N, C-alpha and C. Protein backbone atom coordinates (compact mmCIF):
# COMPACT_ATOMS: atom_id res chain seq x y z
N MET A 1 104.46 110.31 97.09
CA MET A 1 104.31 110.00 95.69
C MET A 1 105.61 110.28 94.95
N ALA A 2 106.31 111.33 95.33
CA ALA A 2 107.55 111.68 94.63
C ALA A 2 108.62 110.62 94.84
N GLU A 3 108.62 110.01 96.01
CA GLU A 3 109.63 108.99 96.30
C GLU A 3 109.42 107.74 95.47
N ASN A 4 108.20 107.45 95.06
CA ASN A 4 107.89 106.25 94.29
C ASN A 4 107.30 106.61 92.93
N SER A 5 107.86 107.63 92.31
CA SER A 5 107.33 108.04 91.00
C SER A 5 107.45 106.90 90.00
N GLY A 6 106.50 106.87 89.12
CA GLY A 6 106.48 105.81 88.11
C GLY A 6 105.55 104.66 88.47
N HIS A 7 105.12 104.60 89.73
CA HIS A 7 104.19 103.56 90.15
C HIS A 7 102.76 104.06 89.98
N SER A 8 101.84 103.14 89.79
CA SER A 8 100.44 103.51 89.68
C SER A 8 99.92 103.91 91.07
N VAL A 9 98.84 104.67 91.10
CA VAL A 9 98.28 105.14 92.36
C VAL A 9 97.94 103.96 93.29
N PRO A 10 97.31 102.90 92.81
CA PRO A 10 97.02 101.79 93.72
C PRO A 10 98.27 101.15 94.34
N ARG A 11 99.39 101.23 93.67
CA ARG A 11 100.64 100.69 94.23
C ARG A 11 101.28 101.65 95.23
N LEU A 12 100.89 102.91 95.21
CA LEU A 12 101.46 103.90 96.12
C LEU A 12 100.82 103.86 97.51
N PHE A 13 99.55 103.46 97.57
CA PHE A 13 98.80 103.49 98.82
C PHE A 13 98.17 102.13 99.10
N ALA A 14 98.20 101.74 100.36
CA ALA A 14 97.55 100.49 100.76
C ALA A 14 96.09 100.72 101.12
N ASP A 15 95.77 101.93 101.57
CA ASP A 15 94.43 102.27 102.02
C ASP A 15 93.54 102.62 100.84
N PRO A 16 92.43 101.92 100.64
CA PRO A 16 91.55 102.22 99.50
C PRO A 16 90.98 103.64 99.53
N TYR A 17 90.81 104.20 100.73
CA TYR A 17 90.30 105.57 100.84
C TYR A 17 91.34 106.58 100.36
N ALA A 18 92.61 106.31 100.59
CA ALA A 18 93.68 107.18 100.09
C ALA A 18 93.76 107.12 98.57
N ILE A 19 93.53 105.95 98.02
CA ILE A 19 93.53 105.80 96.56
C ILE A 19 92.39 106.62 95.95
N LYS A 20 91.19 106.49 96.51
CA LYS A 20 90.04 107.26 96.01
C LYS A 20 90.27 108.75 96.17
N ALA A 21 90.81 109.18 97.30
CA ALA A 21 91.08 110.59 97.53
C ALA A 21 92.09 111.14 96.53
N THR A 22 93.08 110.35 96.20
CA THR A 22 94.09 110.78 95.23
C THR A 22 93.47 110.97 93.85
N TYR A 23 92.67 110.00 93.41
CA TYR A 23 92.00 110.15 92.12
C TYR A 23 91.03 111.32 92.12
N THR A 24 90.33 111.54 93.21
CA THR A 24 89.41 112.69 93.32
C THR A 24 90.18 114.00 93.24
N PHE A 25 91.32 114.06 93.92
CA PHE A 25 92.15 115.27 93.89
C PHE A 25 92.61 115.58 92.47
N PHE A 26 93.14 114.59 91.77
CA PHE A 26 93.66 114.82 90.43
C PHE A 26 92.56 115.02 89.38
N ASP A 27 91.34 114.66 89.72
CA ASP A 27 90.22 114.85 88.80
C ASP A 27 89.73 116.29 88.77
N ARG A 28 90.11 117.08 89.76
CA ARG A 28 89.66 118.48 89.83
C ARG A 28 90.38 119.33 88.79
N ASP A 29 89.68 120.29 88.21
CA ASP A 29 90.26 121.19 87.21
C ASP A 29 91.42 122.01 87.78
N GLU A 30 91.37 122.29 89.08
CA GLU A 30 92.41 123.09 89.71
C GLU A 30 93.72 122.33 89.91
N SER A 31 93.69 121.03 89.76
CA SER A 31 94.87 120.19 90.02
C SER A 31 95.75 120.08 88.79
N THR A 32 96.33 121.19 88.40
CA THR A 32 97.28 121.18 87.28
C THR A 32 98.68 120.98 87.85
N PRO A 33 99.62 120.50 87.05
CA PRO A 33 100.99 120.35 87.55
C PRO A 33 101.56 121.66 88.08
N ASN A 34 101.26 122.76 87.42
CA ASN A 34 101.77 124.06 87.85
C ASN A 34 101.17 124.45 89.21
N ALA A 35 99.88 124.28 89.37
CA ALA A 35 99.23 124.63 90.63
C ALA A 35 99.70 123.73 91.77
N CYS A 36 99.90 122.45 91.50
CA CYS A 36 100.32 121.52 92.55
C CYS A 36 101.75 121.80 93.01
N SER A 37 102.58 122.32 92.13
CA SER A 37 103.97 122.57 92.51
C SER A 37 104.16 123.90 93.22
N LYS A 38 103.14 124.76 93.19
CA LYS A 38 103.25 126.07 93.84
C LYS A 38 103.17 125.98 95.36
N GLY A 39 102.40 125.07 95.90
CA GLY A 39 102.18 125.02 97.34
C GLY A 39 101.18 126.08 97.73
N THR A 40 101.11 126.37 99.01
CA THR A 40 100.11 127.32 99.49
C THR A 40 100.60 128.75 99.42
N GLY A 41 101.89 128.96 99.49
CA GLY A 41 102.44 130.30 99.45
C GLY A 41 102.31 131.04 100.76
N ASN A 42 101.84 130.36 101.80
CA ASN A 42 101.67 131.00 103.12
C ASN A 42 102.85 130.69 104.02
N TRP A 43 104.01 131.21 103.72
CA TRP A 43 105.20 130.93 104.54
C TRP A 43 105.42 132.01 105.50
């Protein structure tokens, strides 16, 4: 997604299941920009 920023989600993925999964992921309350940029922290 970072490589093609500025494109809509349907233009980023050819697979309809990946598109739905992306929208589901971003629909969650936990999916804030800050939380998504943190990673897992398990290095």
